[in-house]
């Protein structure tokens, strides 16, 4: 899978409210042993099943209508890609810099750096 498709599936897995669709998106873009390093004090998440559970719990309080989109096409070299993702909430916008290691066409590791939310 191309990096832009990986980021699209990743983001869709976070914003969907449907558990089956969330799992399908994250299975499509992540290796079974994916490692997710979040931008704050949350612990590192290891494994696709743990990631699906983490996303469900973390986003459970999000309002309906949250969207995520790539700010520009991902930059890629040597098996690593960097994407800037804009998260739009009803009253705020956040931008994350997601750095991923790709293995066998899927995300094997992701480290996220985030900008503070801005009021809309």
Protein backbone atom coordinates (compact mmCIF):
# COMPACT_ATOMS: atom_id res chain seq x y z
CA UNK A 1 0.00 0.00 0.00
CA UNK A 2 1.26 3.48 -0.81
CA UNK A 3 1.98 5.88 2.10
CA UNK A 4 -0.95 8.17 1.26
CA UNK A 5 -3.32 5.18 1.42
CA UNK A 6 -1.81 4.13 4.76
CA UNK A 7 -2.46 7.56 6.25
CA UNK A 8 -5.99 7.60 4.79
CA UNK A 9 -6.85 4.24 6.38
CA UNK A 10 -5.17 5.24 9.65
CA UNK A 11 -7.14 8.47 9.92
CA UNK A 12 -10.41 6.78 8.94
CA UNK A 13 -9.85 4.21 11.69
CA UNK A 14 -9.71 7.02 14.25
CA UNK A 15 -12.74 9.02 13.10
CA UNK A 16 -15.25 6.26 12.38
CA UNK A 17 -17.77 5.40 15.09
CA UNK A 18 -18.37 1.90 13.69
CA UNK A 19 -16.20 -0.69 15.51
CA UNK A 20 -16.12 -3.08 12.51
CA UNK A 21 -15.06 -0.29 10.15
CA UNK A 22 -12.43 0.89 12.65
CA UNK A 23 -10.94 -2.60 12.82
CA UNK A 24 -11.05 -2.98 9.02
CA UNK A 25 -9.22 0.31 8.47
CA UNK A 26 -6.53 -0.44 11.06
CA UNK A 27 -6.08 -4.01 9.80
CA UNK A 28 -5.69 -2.67 6.27
CA UNK A 29 -2.90 -0.25 7.20
CA UNK A 30 -1.08 -1.81 10.19
CA UNK A 31 1.07 -4.87 10.70
CA UNK A 32 -0.17 -7.29 13.38
CA UNK A 33 2.66 -6.18 15.69
CA UNK A 34 2.31 -2.43 15.04
CA UNK A 35 3.76 -0.08 17.65
CA UNK A 36 2.05 3.26 18.26
CA UNK A 37 3.91 5.96 20.23
CA UNK A 38 1.39 8.71 21.10
CA UNK A 39 2.33 12.36 21.55
CA UNK A 40 1.49 12.69 25.22
CA UNK A 41 1.77 10.68 28.42
CA UNK A 42 -0.27 7.77 27.11
CA UNK A 43 1.69 4.52 27.10
CA UNK A 44 3.08 2.99 23.93
CA UNK A 45 0.54 0.66 22.33
CA UNK A 46 1.83 -2.61 20.90
CA UNK A 47 -0.14 -4.90 18.63
CA UNK A 48 -3.07 -4.30 16.30
CA UNK A 49 -5.72 -5.61 18.73
CA UNK A 50 -4.41 -3.33 21.47
CA UNK A 51 -4.37 -0.43 19.00
CA UNK A 52 -8.00 -1.01 18.00
CA UNK A 53 -9.00 -1.03 21.68
CA UNK A 54 -6.92 2.08 22.41
CA UNK A 55 -8.45 4.05 19.54
CA UNK A 56 -11.98 3.04 20.59
CA UNK A 57 -11.38 4.15 24.17
CA UNK A 58 -9.46 7.33 23.33
CA UNK A 59 -12.01 8.58 20.80
CA UNK A 60 -15.14 7.55 22.72
CA UNK A 61 -15.76 11.08 23.98
CA UNK A 62 -15.11 12.75 20.63
CA UNK A 63 -18.13 14.51 19.17
CA UNK A 64 -19.67 13.33 15.92
CA UNK A 65 -18.24 14.83 12.77
CA UNK A 66 -14.52 14.84 13.58
CA UNK A 67 -12.52 14.68 10.35
CA UNK A 68 -8.89 14.02 9.50
CA UNK A 69 -7.05 14.83 6.31
CA UNK A 70 -3.51 14.96 5.05
CA UNK A 71 -2.24 18.52 4.81
CA UNK A 72 -0.01 17.51 1.87
CA UNK A 73 1.23 14.24 0.37
CA UNK A 74 3.48 12.24 2.69
CA UNK A 75 7.25 12.45 2.36
CA UNK A 76 8.89 9.04 2.08
CA UNK A 77 12.41 7.64 2.06
CA UNK A 78 14.25 4.53 3.29
CA UNK A 79 11.07 2.83 4.49
CA UNK A 80 9.92 5.81 6.57
CA UNK A 81 7.12 8.26 5.81
CA UNK A 82 6.06 11.53 7.39
CA UNK A 83 2.56 12.89 7.09
CA UNK A 84 0.96 16.01 8.47
CA UNK A 85 -2.62 15.29 9.46
CA UNK A 86 -5.19 17.99 10.23
CA UNK A 87 -7.82 16.90 12.77
CA UNK A 88 -10.92 19.08 12.66
CA UNK A 89 -13.21 19.08 15.68
CA UNK A 90 -16.36 21.21 16.03
CA UNK A 91 -14.50 23.87 18.06
CA UNK A 92 -10.82 23.21 17.41
CA UNK A 93 -8.24 22.10 14.89
CA UNK A 94 -5.13 20.06 15.69
CA UNK A 95 -2.24 19.08 13.44
CA UNK A 96 -0.17 15.99 14.01
CA UNK A 97 3.13 15.07 12.43
CA UNK A 98 2.97 11.30 12.06
CA UNK A 99 6.21 9.47 11.34
CA UNK A 100 5.77 5.86 10.26
CA UNK A 101 8.04 2.96 9.48
CA UNK A 102 6.55 0.89 6.69
CA UNK A 103 7.10 -2.88 6.49
CA UNK A 104 5.49 -5.09 3.86
CA UNK A 105 3.31 -2.20 2.74
CA UNK A 106 1.84 -1.51 6.19
CA UNK A 107 2.56 0.67 9.19
CA UNK A 108 4.91 -1.17 11.56
CA UNK A 109 5.65 1.79 13.84
CA UNK A 110 4.15 5.24 14.25
CA UNK A 111 5.45 8.10 16.36
CA UNK A 112 3.18 11.14 16.62
CA UNK A 113 4.16 14.72 17.37
CA UNK A 114 1.25 17.12 17.83
CA UNK A 115 0.70 20.83 17.71
CA UNK A 116 -1.59 22.38 20.32
CA UNK A 117 -5.22 22.67 19.34
CA UNK A 118 -6.31 26.00 17.92
CA UNK A 119 -9.75 27.45 18.51
CA UNK A 120 -11.89 27.75 15.39
